[in-house]
Amino acid sequence: MSVKIRLKRIGSKKTPYYRIVVADSRYPRDGRFIEEIGIYDPLKEPSEIIVKKERVEYWKLKGAKPTQVLEKLFKKNEII
């Protein structure tokens, strides 16, 4: 089982809003997930990202890998 940290879109048309979730890579993008660990709102200026850092660290130790987009967001906001 490959676990990923990725975005789950919950915003409506043309108003994106995302939850940062830990999910099995076989699950659909907006489907089942294991745990919600944050939110990301790209429409706010500057974009808002709220993350439970200790849970990100926990899941990375368990072998979960962030997607490329989240990797960039985490580095930009100095989360990991």
PDB file of N, CA and C in Angstrom:
ATOM      1  N   MET A   1       0.844  -1.177   0.000  1.00  0.00           N
ATOM      2  CA  MET A   1       0.000   0.000   0.000  1.00  0.00           C
ATOM      3  C   MET A   1       0.892   1.244   0.000  1.00  0.00           C
ATOM      4  N   SER A   2       0.696   2.095  -1.001  1.00  0.00           N
ATOM      5  CA  SER A   2       1.452   3.335  -1.110  1.00  0.00           C
ATOM      6  C   SER A   2       0.598   4.485  -0.591  1.00  0.00           C
ATOM      7  N   VAL A   3       1.102   5.171   0.420  1.00  0.00           N
ATOM      8  CA  VAL A   3       0.351   6.257   1.038  1.00  0.00           C
ATOM      9  C   VAL A   3       0.925   7.587   0.557  1.00  0.00           C
ATOM     10  N   LYS A   4       0.038   8.513   0.208  1.00  0.00           N
ATOM     11  CA  LYS A   4       0.445   9.823  -0.281  1.00  0.00           C
ATOM     12  C   LYS A   4      -0.217  10.922   0.528  1.00  0.00           C
ATOM     13  N   ILE A   5       0.485  12.032   0.612  1.00  0.00           N
ATOM     14  CA  ILE A   5      -0.090  13.255   1.180  1.00  0.00           C
ATOM     15  C   ILE A   5      -0.451  14.102  -0.032  1.00  0.00           C
ATOM     16  N   ARG A   6      -1.734  14.414  -0.187  1.00  0.00           N
ATOM     17  CA  ARG A   6      -2.158  15.112  -1.393  1.00  0.00           C
ATOM     18  C   ARG A   6      -3.336  16.035  -1.126  1.00  0.00           C
ATOM     19  N   LEU A   7      -3.736  16.765  -2.174  1.00  0.00           N
ATOM     20  CA  LEU A   7      -4.835  17.710  -2.078  1.00  0.00           C
ATOM     21  C   LEU A   7      -6.154  17.041  -2.453  1.00  0.00           C
ATOM     22  N   LYS A   8      -7.207  17.403  -1.745  1.00  0.00           N
ATOM     23  CA  LYS A   8      -8.569  16.954  -2.048  1.00  0.00           C
ATOM     24  C   LYS A   8      -9.380  18.216  -2.312  1.00  0.00           C
ATOM     25  N   ARG A   9      -9.876  18.356  -3.525  1.00  0.00           N
ATOM     26  CA  ARG A   9     -10.607  19.569  -3.886  1.00  0.00           C
ATOM     27  C   ARG A   9     -12.022  19.520  -3.326  1.00  0.00           C
ATOM     28  N   ILE A  10     -12.410  20.609  -2.649  1.00  0.00           N
ATOM     29  CA  ILE A  10     -13.773  20.693  -2.135  1.00  0.00           C
ATOM     30  C   ILE A  10     -14.466  21.966  -2.591  1.00  0.00           C
ATOM     31  N   GLY A  11     -13.757  22.842  -3.300  1.00  0.00           N
ATOM     32  CA  GLY A  11     -14.345  24.090  -3.760  1.00  0.00           C
ATOM     33  C   GLY A  11     -15.278  23.872  -4.941  1.00  0.00           C
ATOM     34  N   SER A  12     -16.135  24.842  -5.173  1.00  0.00           N
ATOM     35  CA  SER A  12     -17.051  24.740  -6.311  1.00  0.00           C
ATOM     36  C   SER A  12     -16.358  25.249  -7.579  1.00  0.00           C
ATOM     37  N   LYS A  13     -17.092  25.295  -8.654  1.00  0.00           N
ATOM     38  CA  LYS A  13     -16.555  25.685  -9.952  1.00  0.00           C
ATOM     39  C   LYS A  13     -15.940  27.088  -9.889  1.00  0.00           C
ATOM     40  N   LYS A  14     -14.708  27.198 -10.336  1.00  0.00           N
ATOM     41  CA  LYS A  14     -13.927  28.435 -10.389  1.00  0.00           C
ATOM     42  C   LYS A  14     -13.606  29.043  -9.022  1.00  0.00           C
ATOM     43  N   THR A  15     -13.864  28.322  -7.950  1.00  0.00           N
ATOM     44  CA  THR A  15     -13.467  28.762  -6.607  1.00  0.00           C
ATOM     45  C   THR A  15     -12.793  27.604  -5.883  1.00  0.00           C
ATOM     46  N   PRO A  16     -11.548  27.301  -6.252  1.00  0.00           N
ATOM     47  CA  PRO A  16     -10.881  26.147  -5.650  1.00  0.00           C
ATOM     48  C   PRO A  16     -10.601  26.346  -4.163  1.00  0.00           C
ATOM     49  N   TYR A  17     -10.763  25.280  -3.434  1.00  0.00           N
ATOM     50  CA  TYR A  17     -10.457  25.215  -2.003  1.00  0.00           C
ATOM     51  C   TYR A  17     -10.083  23.765  -1.748  1.00  0.00           C
ATOM     52  N   TYR A  18      -8.993  23.545  -1.045  1.00  0.00           N
ATOM     53  CA  TYR A  18      -8.479  22.186  -0.900  1.00  0.00           C
ATOM     54  C   TYR A  18      -8.294  21.800   0.556  1.00  0.00           C
ATOM     55  N   ARG A  19      -8.426  20.502   0.806  1.00  0.00           N
ATOM     56  CA  ARG A  19      -8.014  19.917   2.076  1.00  0.00           C
ATOM     57  C   ARG A  19      -6.760  19.104   1.805  1.00  0.00           C
ATOM     58  N   ILE A  20      -5.834  19.141   2.729  1.00  0.00           N
ATOM     59  CA  ILE A  20      -4.621  18.333   2.616  1.00  0.00           C
ATOM     60  C   ILE A  20      -4.898  17.048   3.373  1.00  0.00           C
ATOM     61  N   VAL A  21      -4.835  15.921   2.659  1.00  0.00           N
ATOM     62  CA  VAL A  21      -5.207  14.644   3.245  1.00  0.00           C
ATOM     63  C   VAL A  21      -4.117  13.607   3.027  1.00  0.00           C
ATOM     64  N   VAL A  22      -4.158  12.580   3.847  1.00  0.00           N
ATOM     65  CA  VAL A  22      -3.319  11.399   3.688  1.00  0.00           C
ATOM     66  C   VAL A  22      -4.227  10.309   3.138  1.00  0.00           C
ATOM     67  N   ALA A  23      -3.842   9.746   1.977  1.00  0.00           N
ATOM     68  CA  ALA A  23      -4.704   8.757   1.333  1.00  0.00           C
ATOM     69  C   ALA A  23      -3.877   7.683   0.652  1.00  0.00           C
ATOM     70  N   ASP A  24      -4.472   6.527   0.490  1.00  0.00           N
ATOM     71  CA  ASP A  24      -3.888   5.459  -0.298  1.00  0.00           C
ATOM     72  C   ASP A  24      -3.846   5.944  -1.750  1.00  0.00           C
ATOM     73  N   SER A  25      -2.770   5.668  -2.459  1.00  0.00           N
ATOM     74  CA  SER A  25      -2.625   6.166  -3.827  1.00  0.00           C
ATOM     75  C   SER A  25      -3.662   5.574  -4.782  1.00  0.00           C
ATOM     76  N   ARG A  26      -4.309   4.476  -4.396  1.00  0.00           N
ATOM     77  CA  ARG A  26      -5.315   3.857  -5.261  1.00  0.00           C
ATOM     78  C   ARG A  26      -6.677   4.530  -5.154  1.00  0.00           C
ATOM     79  N   TYR A  27      -6.891   5.348  -4.130  1.00  0.00           N
ATOM     80  CA  TYR A  27      -8.173   6.027  -3.950  1.00  0.00           C
ATOM     81  C   TYR A  27      -8.293   7.184  -4.935  1.00  0.00           C
ATOM     82  N   PRO A  28      -9.517   7.536  -5.364  1.00  0.00           N
ATOM     83  CA  PRO A  28      -9.680   8.688  -6.250  1.00  0.00           C
ATOM     84  C   PRO A  28      -9.324   9.996  -5.545  1.00  0.00           C
ATOM     85  N   ARG A  29      -9.049  11.034  -6.322  1.00  0.00           N
ATOM     86  CA  ARG A  29      -8.598  12.322  -5.765  1.00  0.00           C
ATOM     87  C   ARG A  29      -9.525  12.855  -4.686  1.00  0.00           C
ATOM     88  N   ASP A  30     -10.816  12.847  -4.943  1.00  0.00           N
ATOM     89  CA  ASP A  30     -11.769  13.403  -3.988  1.00  0.00           C
ATOM     90  C   ASP A  30     -12.508  12.321  -3.211  1.00  0.00           C
ATOM     91  N   GLY A  31     -11.965  11.118  -3.204  1.00  0.00           N
ATOM     92  CA  GLY A  31     -12.627  10.005  -2.546  1.00  0.00           C
ATOM     93  C   GLY A  31     -12.170   9.799  -1.118  1.00  0.00           C
ATOM     94  N   ARG A  32     -12.089   8.522  -0.751  1.00  0.00           N
ATOM     95  CA  ARG A  32     -11.729   8.137   0.610  1.00  0.00           C
ATOM     96  C   ARG A  32     -10.341   8.640   0.988  1.00  0.00           C
ATOM     97  N   PHE A  33     -10.149   8.883   2.268  1.00  0.00           N
ATOM     98  CA  PHE A  33      -8.832   9.266   2.767  1.00  0.00           C
ATOM     99  C   PHE A  33      -8.654   8.721   4.172  1.00  0.00           C
ATOM    100  N   ILE A  34      -7.418   8.703   4.629  1.00  0.00           N
ATOM    101  CA  ILE A  34      -7.097   8.166   5.942  1.00  0.00           C
ATOM    102  C   ILE A  34      -7.230   9.241   7.015  1.00  0.00           C
ATOM    103  N   GLU A  35      -6.642  10.416   6.746  1.00  0.00           N
ATOM    104  CA  GLU A  35      -6.669  11.494   7.738  1.00  0.00           C
ATOM    105  C   GLU A  35      -6.553  12.847   7.041  1.00  0.00           C
ATOM    106  N   GLU A  36      -7.272  13.829   7.564  1.00  0.00           N
ATOM    107  CA  GLU A  36      -7.156  15.203   7.078  1.00  0.00           C
ATOM    108  C   GLU A  36      -6.144  15.928   7.961  1.00  0.00           C
ATOM    109  N   ILE A  37      -5.144  16.555   7.329  1.00  0.00           N
ATOM    110  CA  ILE A  37      -4.083  17.184   8.119  1.00  0.00           C
ATOM    111  C   ILE A  37      -3.929  18.679   7.849  1.00  0.00           C
ATOM    112  N   GLY A  38      -4.806  19.254   7.029  1.00  0.00           N
ATOM    113  CA  GLY A  38      -4.692  20.693   6.802  1.00  0.00           C
ATOM    114  C   GLY A  38      -5.632  21.190   5.726  1.00  0.00           C
ATOM    115  N   ILE A  39      -5.523  22.512   5.455  1.00  0.00           N
ATOM    116  CA  ILE A  39      -6.305  23.136   4.395  1.00  0.00           C
ATOM    117  C   ILE A  39      -5.408  24.046   3.578  1.00  0.00           C
ATOM    118  N   TYR A  40      -5.838  24.304   2.332  1.00  0.00           N
ATOM    119  CA  TYR A  40      -5.114  25.193   1.430  1.00  0.00           C
ATOM    120  C   TYR A  40      -6.128  26.008   0.655  1.00  0.00           C
ATOM    121  N   ASP A  41      -6.026  27.333   0.749  1.00  0.00           N
ATOM    122  CA  ASP A  41      -6.929  28.236   0.040  1.00  0.00           C
ATOM    123  C   ASP A  41      -6.094  29.113  -0.891  1.00  0.00           C
ATOM    124  N   PRO A  42      -6.054  28.779  -2.198  1.00  0.00           N
ATOM    125  CA  PRO A  42      -5.216  29.538  -3.126  1.00  0.00           C
ATOM    126  C   PRO A  42      -5.796  30.894  -3.514  1.00  0.00           C
ATOM    127  N   LEU A  43      -7.055  31.164  -3.213  1.00  0.00           N
ATOM    128  CA  LEU A  43      -7.676  32.416  -3.632  1.00  0.00           C
ATOM    129  C   LEU A  43      -7.372  33.587  -2.707  1.00  0.00           C
ATOM    130  N   LYS A  44      -7.009  33.325  -1.476  1.00  0.00           N
ATOM    131  CA  LYS A  44      -6.651  34.413  -0.566  1.00  0.00           C
ATOM    132  C   LYS A  44      -5.318  35.008  -0.995  1.00  0.00           C
ATOM    133  N   GLU A  45      -5.123  36.264  -0.669  1.00  0.00           N
ATOM    134  CA  GLU A  45      -3.881  36.924  -1.041  1.00  0.00           C
ATOM    135  C   GLU A  45      -3.140  37.332   0.222  1.00  0.00           C
ATOM    136  N   PRO A  46      -2.015  36.776   0.592  1.00  0.00           N
ATOM    137  CA  PRO A  46      -1.360  35.632  -0.037  1.00  0.00           C
ATOM    138  C   PRO A  46      -2.107  34.333   0.270  1.00  0.00           C
ATOM    139  N   SER A  47      -1.839  33.313  -0.521  1.00  0.00           N
ATOM    140  CA  SER A  47      -2.568  32.049  -0.351  1.00  0.00           C
ATOM    141  C   SER A  47      -2.378  31.512   1.064  1.00  0.00           C
ATOM    142  N   GLU A  48      -3.453  30.946   1.596  1.00  0.00           N
ATOM    143  CA  GLU A  48      -3.460  30.475   2.984  1.00  0.00           C
ATOM    144  C   GLU A  48      -3.235  28.968   3.021  1.00  0.00           C
ATOM    145  N   ILE A  49      -2.305  28.543   3.861  1.00  0.00           N
ATOM    146  CA  ILE A  49      -2.073  27.111   4.067  1.00  0.00           C
ATOM    147  C   ILE A  49      -1.954  26.887   5.571  1.00  0.00           C
ATOM    148  N   ILE A  50      -2.800  26.002   6.085  1.00  0.00           N
ATOM    149  CA  ILE A  50      -2.801  25.666   7.509  1.00  0.00           C
ATOM    150  C   ILE A  50      -2.592  24.161   7.607  1.00  0.00           C
ATOM    151  N   VAL A  51      -1.519  23.757   8.290  1.00  0.00           N
ATOM    152  CA  VAL A  51      -1.150  22.344   8.346  1.00  0.00           C
ATOM    153  C   VAL A  51      -0.797  21.951   9.776  1.00  0.00           C
ATOM    154  N   LYS A  52      -1.167  20.738  10.147  1.00  0.00           N
ATOM    155  CA  LYS A  52      -0.733  20.167  11.424  1.00  0.00           C
ATOM    156  C   LYS A  52       0.658  19.570  11.187  1.00  0.00           C
ATOM    157  N   LYS A  53       1.685  20.334  11.542  1.00  0.00           N
ATOM    158  CA  LYS A  53       3.067  19.935  11.242  1.00  0.00           C
ATOM    159  C   LYS A  53       3.442  18.595  11.865  1.00  0.00           C
ATOM    160  N   GLU A  54       2.987  18.358  13.099  1.00  0.00           N
ATOM    161  CA  GLU A  54       3.354  17.101  13.755  1.00  0.00           C
ATOM    162  C   GLU A  54       2.767  15.900  13.028  1.00  0.00           C
ATOM    163  N   ARG A  55       1.586  16.057  12.419  1.00  0.00           N
ATOM    164  CA  ARG A  55       0.980  14.951  11.671  1.00  0.00           C
ATOM    165  C   ARG A  55       1.693  14.723  10.332  1.00  0.00           C
ATOM    166  N   VAL A  56       2.180  15.806   9.731  1.00  0.00           N
ATOM    167  CA  VAL A  56       2.962  15.661   8.498  1.00  0.00           C
ATOM    168  C   VAL A  56       4.233  14.878   8.803  1.00  0.00           C
ATOM    169  N   GLU A  57       4.906  15.249   9.872  1.00  0.00           N
ATOM    170  CA  GLU A  57       6.125  14.539  10.274  1.00  0.00           C
ATOM    171  C   GLU A  57       5.829  13.069  10.579  1.00  0.00           C
ATOM    172  N   TYR A  58       4.737  12.819  11.293  1.00  0.00           N
ATOM    173  CA  TYR A  58       4.349  11.455  11.633  1.00  0.00           C
ATOM    174  C   TYR A  58       4.154  10.618  10.379  1.00  0.00           C
ATOM    175  N   TRP A  59       3.394  11.131   9.418  1.00  0.00           N
ATOM    176  CA  TRP A  59       3.115  10.361   8.202  1.00  0.00           C
ATOM    177  C   TRP A  59       4.342  10.207   7.323  1.00  0.00           C
ATOM    178  N   LYS A  60       5.228  11.210   7.315  1.00  0.00           N
ATOM    179  CA  LYS A  60       6.465  11.056   6.543  1.00  0.00           C
ATOM    180  C   LYS A  60       7.340   9.959   7.146  1.00  0.00           C
ATOM    181  N   LEU A  61       7.356   9.856   8.478  1.00  0.00           N
ATOM    182  CA  LEU A  61       8.110   8.771   9.118  1.00  0.00           C
ATOM    183  C   LEU A  61       7.511   7.407   8.800  1.00  0.00           C
ATOM    184  N   LYS A  62       6.195   7.364   8.591  1.00  0.00           N
ATOM    185  CA  LYS A  62       5.515   6.111   8.247  1.00  0.00           C
ATOM    186  C   LYS A  62       5.694   5.752   6.776  1.00  0.00           C
ATOM    187  N   GLY A  63       6.270   6.662   5.969  1.00  0.00           N
ATOM    188  CA  GLY A  63       6.541   6.364   4.571  1.00  0.00           C
ATOM    189  C   GLY A  63       5.647   7.079   3.572  1.00  0.00           C
ATOM    190  N   ALA A  64       4.772   7.968   4.026  1.00  0.00           N
ATOM    191  CA  ALA A  64       3.913   8.715   3.112  1.00  0.00           C
ATOM    192  C   ALA A  64       4.742   9.754   2.375  1.00  0.00           C
ATOM    193  N   LYS A  65       4.451   9.920   1.078  1.00  0.00           N
ATOM    194  CA  LYS A  65       5.179  10.890   0.269  1.00  0.00           C
ATOM    195  C   LYS A  65       4.226  11.972  -0.208  1.00  0.00           C
ATOM    196  N   PRO A  66       4.615  13.250  -0.039  1.00  0.00           N
ATOM    197  CA  PRO A  66       3.775  14.334  -0.559  1.00  0.00           C
ATOM    198  C   PRO A  66       3.848  14.364  -2.083  1.00  0.00           C
ATOM    199  N   THR A  67       2.782  14.837  -2.712  1.00  0.00           N
ATOM    200  CA  THR A  67       2.796  15.007  -4.159  1.00  0.00           C
ATOM    201  C   THR A  67       3.728  16.169  -4.495  1.00  0.00           C
ATOM    202  N   GLN A  68       4.040  16.337  -5.780  1.00  0.00           N
ATOM    203  CA  GLN A  68       4.957  17.396  -6.192  1.00  0.00           C
ATOM    204  C   GLN A  68       4.421  18.779  -5.823  1.00  0.00           C
ATOM    205  N   VAL A  69       3.132  18.989  -6.005  1.00  0.00           N
ATOM    206  CA  VAL A  69       2.522  20.279  -5.685  1.00  0.00           C
ATOM    207  C   VAL A  69       2.651  20.571  -4.190  1.00  0.00           C
ATOM    208  N   LEU A  70       2.346  19.595  -3.360  1.00  0.00           N
ATOM    209  CA  LEU A  70       2.453  19.807  -1.910  1.00  0.00           C
ATOM    210  C   LEU A  70       3.901  19.966  -1.471  1.00  0.00           C
ATOM    211  N   GLU A  71       4.802  19.265  -2.114  1.00  0.00           N
ATOM    212  CA  GLU A  71       6.226  19.405  -1.790  1.00  0.00           C
ATOM    213  C   GLU A  71       6.653  20.858  -1.990  1.00  0.00           C
ATOM    214  N   LYS A  72       6.223  21.467  -3.102  1.00  0.00           N
ATOM    215  CA  LYS A  72       6.551  22.868  -3.378  1.00  0.00           C
ATOM    216  C   LYS A  72       5.893  23.800  -2.364  1.00  0.00           C
ATOM    217  N   LEU A  73       4.621  23.538  -2.036  1.00  0.00           N
ATOM    218  CA  LEU A  73       3.916  24.369  -1.057  1.00  0.00           C
ATOM    219  C   LEU A  73       4.572  24.290   0.318  1.00  0.00           C
ATOM    220  N   PHE A  74       4.949  23.083   0.729  1.00  0.00           N
ATOM    221  CA  PHE A  74       5.594  22.902   2.025  1.00  0.00           C
ATOM    222  C   PHE A  74       6.932  23.652   2.074  1.00  0.00           C
ATOM    223  N   LYS A  75       7.724  23.559   1.016  1.00  0.00           N
ATOM    224  CA  LYS A  75       9.010  24.245   1.002  1.00  0.00           C
ATOM    225  C   LYS A  75       8.829  25.760   0.982  1.00  0.00           C
ATOM    226  N   LYS A  76       7.847  26.239   0.201  1.00  0.00           N
ATOM    227  CA  LYS A  76       7.585  27.667   0.103  1.00  0.00           C
ATOM    228  C   LYS A  76       7.155  28.243   1.459  1.00  0.00           C
ATOM    229  N   ASN A  77       6.368  27.493   2.205  1.00  0.00           N
ATOM    230  CA  ASN A  77       5.871  27.949   3.492  1.00  0.00           C
ATOM    231  C   ASN A  77       6.695  27.422   4.662  1.00  0.00           C
ATOM    232  N   GLU A  78       7.839  26.813   4.382  1.00  0.00           N
ATOM    233  CA  GLU A  78       8.780  26.318   5.393  1.00  0.00           C
ATOM    234  C   GLU A  78       8.139  25.372   6.390  1.00  0.00           C
ATOM    235  N   ILE A  79       7.344  24.434   5.868  1.00  0.00           N
ATOM    236  CA  ILE A  79       6.687  23.453   6.743  1.00  0.00           C
ATOM    237  C   ILE A  79       7.575  22.239   6.943  1.00  0.00           C
ATOM    238  N   ILE A  80       8.265  21.807   5.883  1.00  0.00           N
ATOM    239  CA  ILE A  80       9.207  20.694   6.038  1.00  0.00           C
ATOM    240  C   ILE A  80      10.580  21.116   5.580  1.00  0.00           C
TER     241      ILE A  80
END
